[in-house]
Amino acid sequence: MKQATQVYSPAFDVAFFSLPQKIRTQIEAKIQELGRLLDVYPHQRLRGRRECRIRVADYRVFYTFDLGRNILYLHEVGNRREVYR
């Protein structure tokens, strides 16, 4: 499968660009991997929510996806202590 189109929410952008550069680089790499493997990636759904999550160090990225259209929607990113509240 080709690389999925990534759609960023405004809240994701604000939170992402406030993170340290080292963490942003790690998150970007993980998102690229997820986009390439969207159809076979082991998605971890959040209980009681539609979103899935990926883990990067102490940070979490919440996302949804549409396999039929090959789109990855990125909703939220933040420190694990804050994003689950």
N, C-alpha and C. Protein backbone atom coordinates (compact mmCIF):
# COMPACT_ATOMS: atom_id res chain seq x y z
N MET A 1 0.85 -1.18 0.00
CA MET A 1 0.00 0.00 0.00
C MET A 1 0.89 1.24 0.00
N LYS A 2 0.49 2.24 -0.77
CA LYS A 2 1.27 3.48 -0.81
C LYS A 2 1.04 4.30 0.46
N GLN A 3 1.88 5.29 0.65
CA GLN A 3 1.83 6.16 1.82
C GLN A 3 0.45 6.80 1.94
N ALA A 4 -0.13 6.73 3.13
CA ALA A 4 -1.45 7.32 3.38
C ALA A 4 -1.36 8.84 3.41
N THR A 5 -2.41 9.50 2.97
CA THR A 5 -2.52 10.94 3.08
C THR A 5 -2.74 11.28 4.55
N GLN A 6 -2.00 12.27 5.05
CA GLN A 6 -2.10 12.64 6.46
C GLN A 6 -2.89 13.94 6.58
N VAL A 7 -3.92 13.92 7.43
CA VAL A 7 -4.74 15.09 7.67
C VAL A 7 -4.59 15.46 9.14
N TYR A 8 -4.06 16.65 9.40
CA TYR A 8 -3.78 17.10 10.75
C TYR A 8 -4.88 18.03 11.24
N SER A 9 -5.35 17.82 12.47
CA SER A 9 -6.32 18.74 13.06
C SER A 9 -5.58 19.99 13.54
N PRO A 10 -6.27 21.11 13.66
CA PRO A 10 -5.63 22.32 14.18
C PRO A 10 -5.05 22.11 15.59
N ALA A 11 -5.76 21.36 16.43
CA ALA A 11 -5.27 21.09 17.79
C ALA A 11 -3.98 20.28 17.75
N PHE A 12 -3.90 19.34 16.82
CA PHE A 12 -2.69 18.53 16.68
C PHE A 12 -1.51 19.43 16.31
N ASP A 13 -1.71 20.31 15.33
CA ASP A 13 -0.63 21.21 14.89
C ASP A 13 -0.11 22.07 16.03
N VAL A 14 -1.00 22.67 16.79
CA VAL A 14 -0.59 23.54 17.90
C VAL A 14 0.23 22.74 18.91
N ALA A 15 -0.27 21.58 19.31
CA ALA A 15 0.43 20.77 20.30
C ALA A 15 1.75 20.23 19.75
N PHE A 16 1.74 19.80 18.50
CA PHE A 16 2.94 19.20 17.90
C PHE A 16 4.08 20.20 17.84
N PHE A 17 3.81 21.42 17.38
CA PHE A 17 4.88 22.40 17.22
C PHE A 17 5.34 23.00 18.54
N SER A 18 4.66 22.70 19.63
CA SER A 18 5.13 23.15 20.94
C SER A 18 6.03 22.11 21.61
N LEU A 19 6.18 20.94 20.99
CA LEU A 19 7.03 19.88 21.54
C LEU A 19 8.50 20.13 21.21
N PRO A 20 9.41 19.53 22.01
CA PRO A 20 10.84 19.64 21.69
C PRO A 20 11.16 19.00 20.33
N GLN A 21 12.16 19.54 19.65
CA GLN A 21 12.52 19.08 18.31
C GLN A 21 12.82 17.57 18.27
N LYS A 22 13.51 17.06 19.26
CA LYS A 22 13.87 15.64 19.29
C LYS A 22 12.62 14.76 19.29
N ILE A 23 11.63 15.13 20.09
CA ILE A 23 10.38 14.37 20.17
C ILE A 23 9.60 14.50 18.87
N ARG A 24 9.58 15.71 18.29
CA ARG A 24 8.87 15.91 17.01
C ARG A 24 9.44 15.01 15.92
N THR A 25 10.76 14.88 15.88
CA THR A 25 11.41 14.03 14.89
C THR A 25 11.01 12.57 15.08
N GLN A 26 10.97 12.12 16.32
CA GLN A 26 10.57 10.73 16.61
C GLN A 26 9.11 10.50 16.23
N ILE A 27 8.26 11.46 16.54
CA ILE A 27 6.83 11.33 16.22
C ILE A 27 6.63 11.33 14.70
N GLU A 28 7.34 12.20 13.99
CA GLU A 28 7.23 12.23 12.52
C GLU A 28 7.62 10.88 11.92
N ALA A 29 8.68 10.27 12.43
CA ALA A 29 9.12 8.97 11.91
C ALA A 29 8.06 7.90 12.16
N LYS A 30 7.46 7.92 13.34
CA LYS A 30 6.43 6.94 13.67
C LYS A 30 5.18 7.14 12.81
N ILE A 31 4.81 8.39 12.56
CA ILE A 31 3.64 8.68 11.72
C ILE A 31 3.90 8.22 10.28
N GLN A 32 5.12 8.43 9.79
CA GLN A 32 5.46 7.97 8.44
C GLN A 32 5.36 6.46 8.34
N GLU A 33 5.87 5.76 9.36
CA GLU A 33 5.78 4.30 9.39
C GLU A 33 4.31 3.85 9.40
N LEU A 34 3.51 4.49 10.24
CA LEU A 34 2.09 4.18 10.31
C LEU A 34 1.41 4.40 8.96
N GLY A 35 1.76 5.49 8.29
CA GLY A 35 1.17 5.80 6.98
C GLY A 35 1.52 4.78 5.91
N ARG A 36 2.73 4.25 5.97
CA ARG A 36 3.15 3.23 4.99
C ARG A 36 2.49 1.89 5.24
N LEU A 37 2.23 1.58 6.52
CA LEU A 37 1.72 0.26 6.90
C LEU A 37 0.28 0.32 7.42
N LEU A 38 -0.48 1.29 6.98
CA LEU A 38 -1.81 1.54 7.54
C LEU A 38 -2.70 0.31 7.52
N ASP A 39 -2.63 -0.48 6.47
CA ASP A 39 -3.52 -1.65 6.36
C ASP A 39 -3.10 -2.82 7.23
N VAL A 40 -1.84 -2.90 7.65
CA VAL A 40 -1.37 -4.04 8.46
C VAL A 40 -0.85 -3.62 9.83
N TYR A 41 -0.83 -2.33 10.12
CA TYR A 41 -0.30 -1.84 11.39
C TYR A 41 -1.18 -2.33 12.54
N PRO A 42 -0.58 -2.72 13.68
CA PRO A 42 -1.40 -3.19 14.82
C PRO A 42 -2.01 -2.00 15.58
N HIS A 43 -3.15 -1.53 15.12
CA HIS A 43 -3.81 -0.36 15.72
C HIS A 43 -4.31 -0.69 17.12
N GLN A 44 -4.05 0.21 18.07
CA GLN A 44 -4.51 0.03 19.45
C GLN A 44 -5.61 1.05 19.72
N ARG A 45 -6.85 0.56 19.75
CA ARG A 45 -7.99 1.45 19.99
C ARG A 45 -8.07 1.84 21.46
N LEU A 46 -8.54 3.07 21.68
CA LEU A 46 -8.77 3.56 23.03
C LEU A 46 -10.15 3.13 23.49
N ARG A 47 -10.25 2.72 24.71
CA ARG A 47 -11.55 2.31 25.25
C ARG A 47 -12.51 3.49 25.31
N GLY A 48 -13.71 3.27 24.83
CA GLY A 48 -14.75 4.30 24.90
C GLY A 48 -14.58 5.44 23.90
N ARG A 49 -13.62 5.31 22.99
CA ARG A 49 -13.39 6.36 22.00
C ARG A 49 -13.18 5.73 20.63
N ARG A 50 -13.32 6.52 19.58
CA ARG A 50 -13.10 6.03 18.21
C ARG A 50 -11.62 5.95 17.87
N GLU A 51 -10.81 6.77 18.53
CA GLU A 51 -9.42 6.91 18.15
C GLU A 51 -8.56 5.71 18.52
N CYS A 52 -7.46 5.61 17.80
CA CYS A 52 -6.39 4.66 18.13
C CYS A 52 -5.22 5.50 18.63
N ARG A 53 -4.20 4.82 19.15
CA ARG A 53 -3.05 5.57 19.64
C ARG A 53 -1.76 4.93 19.18
N ILE A 54 -0.73 5.76 19.08
CA ILE A 54 0.63 5.27 18.94
C ILE A 54 1.45 5.89 20.05
N ARG A 55 2.44 5.17 20.48
CA ARG A 55 3.27 5.58 21.60
C ARG A 55 4.65 5.97 21.09
N VAL A 56 5.12 7.12 21.52
CA VAL A 56 6.47 7.58 21.21
C VAL A 56 7.05 8.15 22.49
N ALA A 57 7.93 7.39 23.13
CA ALA A 57 8.50 7.77 24.43
C ALA A 57 7.35 8.03 25.42
N ASP A 58 7.32 9.20 26.05
CA ASP A 58 6.25 9.53 27.00
C ASP A 58 5.09 10.27 26.33
N TYR A 59 5.05 10.26 25.02
CA TYR A 59 4.02 10.98 24.28
C TYR A 59 3.08 10.01 23.56
N ARG A 60 1.85 10.47 23.34
CA ARG A 60 0.86 9.66 22.64
C ARG A 60 0.28 10.49 21.49
N VAL A 61 0.02 9.80 20.40
CA VAL A 61 -0.62 10.41 19.24
C VAL A 61 -1.94 9.68 19.04
N PHE A 62 -3.04 10.41 19.03
CA PHE A 62 -4.37 9.83 18.81
C PHE A 62 -4.77 10.08 17.36
N TYR A 63 -5.27 9.04 16.72
CA TYR A 63 -5.59 9.13 15.30
C TYR A 63 -6.77 8.23 14.95
N THR A 64 -7.36 8.50 13.80
CA THR A 64 -8.33 7.60 13.17
C THR A 64 -7.86 7.43 11.73
N PHE A 65 -8.47 6.49 11.02
CA PHE A 65 -8.04 6.24 9.65
C PHE A 65 -9.20 5.73 8.82
N ASP A 66 -9.05 5.89 7.52
CA ASP A 66 -10.02 5.41 6.54
C ASP A 66 -9.24 4.59 5.52
N LEU A 67 -9.29 3.27 5.66
CA LEU A 67 -8.54 2.39 4.76
C LEU A 67 -9.02 2.49 3.32
N GLY A 68 -10.32 2.63 3.12
CA GLY A 68 -10.86 2.72 1.77
C GLY A 68 -10.31 3.90 0.99
N ARG A 69 -10.14 5.01 1.67
CA ARG A 69 -9.63 6.23 1.02
C ARG A 69 -8.14 6.43 1.27
N ASN A 70 -7.53 5.56 2.10
CA ASN A 70 -6.10 5.62 2.44
C ASN A 70 -5.74 6.97 3.07
N ILE A 71 -6.50 7.34 4.12
CA ILE A 71 -6.29 8.61 4.81
C ILE A 71 -6.06 8.35 6.29
N LEU A 72 -5.09 9.06 6.85
CA LEU A 72 -4.76 9.00 8.27
C LEU A 72 -5.10 10.36 8.88
N TYR A 73 -6.03 10.38 9.84
CA TYR A 73 -6.45 11.62 10.50
C TYR A 73 -5.75 11.70 11.86
N LEU A 74 -4.94 12.73 12.06
CA LEU A 74 -4.21 12.91 13.31
C LEU A 74 -4.94 13.95 14.15
N HIS A 75 -5.42 13.52 15.33
CA HIS A 75 -6.29 14.36 16.15
C HIS A 75 -5.59 15.07 17.29
N GLU A 76 -4.72 14.36 18.00
CA GLU A 76 -4.18 14.91 19.24
C GLU A 76 -2.81 14.32 19.51
N VAL A 77 -1.93 15.11 20.11
CA VAL A 77 -0.62 14.64 20.54
C VAL A 77 -0.29 15.33 21.85
N GLY A 78 0.36 14.61 22.75
CA GLY A 78 0.74 15.21 24.02
C GLY A 78 1.37 14.20 24.95
N ASN A 79 1.80 14.70 26.09
CA ASN A 79 2.39 13.84 27.10
C ASN A 79 1.33 12.89 27.63
N ARG A 80 1.73 11.67 27.89
CA ARG A 80 0.78 10.64 28.31
C ARG A 80 0.03 11.01 29.58
N ARG A 81 0.64 11.82 30.42
CA ARG A 81 -0.02 12.22 31.68
C ARG A 81 -1.17 13.19 31.44
N GLU A 82 -1.15 13.86 30.30
CA GLU A 82 -2.14 14.91 30.03
C GLU A 82 -3.21 14.51 29.01
N VAL A 83 -2.87 13.71 28.02
CA VAL A 83 -3.80 13.46 26.92
C VAL A 83 -4.96 12.54 27.29
N TYR A 84 -4.81 11.74 28.31
CA TYR A 84 -5.89 10.83 28.69
C TYR A 84 -6.94 11.49 29.58
N ARG A 85 -6.73 12.72 29.97
CA ARG A 85 -7.66 13.42 30.87
C ARG A 85 -8.82 13.99 30.12
